[in-house]
Each structure stands twice: as C-alpha cells, then as structure tokens.
C-alpha cells in the first residue's frame, strides 16, 4: 500500500523556510521543489518535491 502524501502546511513549521524554491513542469503538471542546504549538524542536501499542495517525495543527498 502506498502512503498518502502529506500536506505542505506543516512543513515550514517543522523544517523552516527552504533555502531555495524551484518550479518545473513534469508530464503537464507543475511541480515545486523545496531545497534545504547542508548545515554543520545535518550534512545532507534535502529536496522535497510538492505537487498539488502535497509532499510527494523526499530526497536526501549525503554530502562529503
């Protein structure tokens, strides 16, 4: 069973505002991506794609 996408409203309260926001069109649908850059306590770049006001995935890229 696929988990249901979560709502975006709670995201800024938990993670704070993103360092960068980007938009792209994928198969005719607009997708917004929020980017969180590495910090000394969290050395990963986190990318959160949002479609239709819902988080659809979370990608964490470990930086050296």
Protein backbone atom coordinates (compact mmCIF):
# COMPACT_ATOMS: atom_id res chain seq x y z
CA UNK A 1 0.00 0.00 0.00
CA UNK A 2 1.36 3.42 -0.98
CA UNK A 3 1.44 6.01 1.83
CA UNK A 4 -0.74 9.06 1.31
CA UNK A 5 1.10 12.29 0.51
CA UNK A 6 1.28 14.74 3.41
CA UNK A 7 0.08 18.32 3.38
CA UNK A 8 2.60 21.11 2.85
CA UNK A 9 1.16 23.44 5.53
CA UNK A 10 3.01 21.66 8.35
CA UNK A 11 6.36 21.58 6.53
CA UNK A 12 7.57 25.18 7.16
CA UNK A 13 6.68 24.84 10.85
CA UNK A 14 8.79 21.69 11.18
CA UNK A 15 11.68 22.32 8.79
CA UNK A 16 11.66 26.11 8.49
CA UNK A 17 11.66 28.01 5.21
CA UNK A 18 13.63 26.44 2.34
CA UNK A 19 16.92 27.98 1.20
CA UNK A 20 15.78 27.68 -2.43
CA UNK A 21 12.49 27.04 -4.21
CA UNK A 22 12.19 25.90 -7.82
CA UNK A 23 9.36 25.10 -10.26
CA UNK A 24 9.29 22.63 -13.13
CA UNK A 25 6.69 21.04 -15.39
CA UNK A 26 6.60 17.24 -15.37
CA UNK A 27 4.11 15.48 -17.67
CA UNK A 28 1.99 18.61 -17.84
CA UNK A 29 1.85 19.02 -14.04
CA UNK A 30 3.57 21.88 -12.23
CA UNK A 31 5.86 20.64 -9.50
CA UNK A 32 7.50 22.87 -6.93
CA UNK A 33 10.67 21.69 -5.19
CA UNK A 34 11.99 22.99 -1.89
CA UNK A 35 15.73 22.72 -1.25
CA UNK A 36 17.33 22.61 2.20
CA UNK A 37 21.11 23.01 2.08
CA UNK A 38 23.64 21.32 4.39
CA UNK A 39 24.37 22.68 7.86
CA UNK A 40 27.07 21.68 10.38
CA UNK A 41 24.54 19.49 12.24
CA UNK A 42 22.95 17.98 9.08
CA UNK A 43 25.46 17.48 6.23
CA UNK A 44 22.82 16.39 3.69
CA UNK A 45 21.05 18.36 0.97
CA UNK A 46 17.31 17.68 1.18
CA UNK A 47 14.98 18.10 -1.81
CA UNK A 48 11.22 17.99 -1.25
CA UNK A 49 9.02 17.90 -4.39
CA UNK A 50 5.48 19.22 -3.97
CA UNK A 51 2.59 18.59 -6.38
CA UNK A 52 -0.96 19.83 -5.85
CA UNK A 53 -0.07 21.19 -2.42
CA UNK A 54 1.19 17.81 -1.18
CA UNK A 55 4.65 16.43 -0.48
CA UNK A 56 5.18 13.58 -2.94
CA UNK A 57 8.73 12.50 -2.07
CA UNK A 58 11.81 13.37 -0.02
CA UNK A 59 15.33 13.02 -1.39
CA UNK A 60 18.39 13.34 0.84
CA UNK A 61 21.80 13.64 -0.79
CA UNK A 62 24.71 12.96 1.55
CA UNK A 63 27.49 15.50 1.01
CA UNK A 64 31.12 14.54 1.65
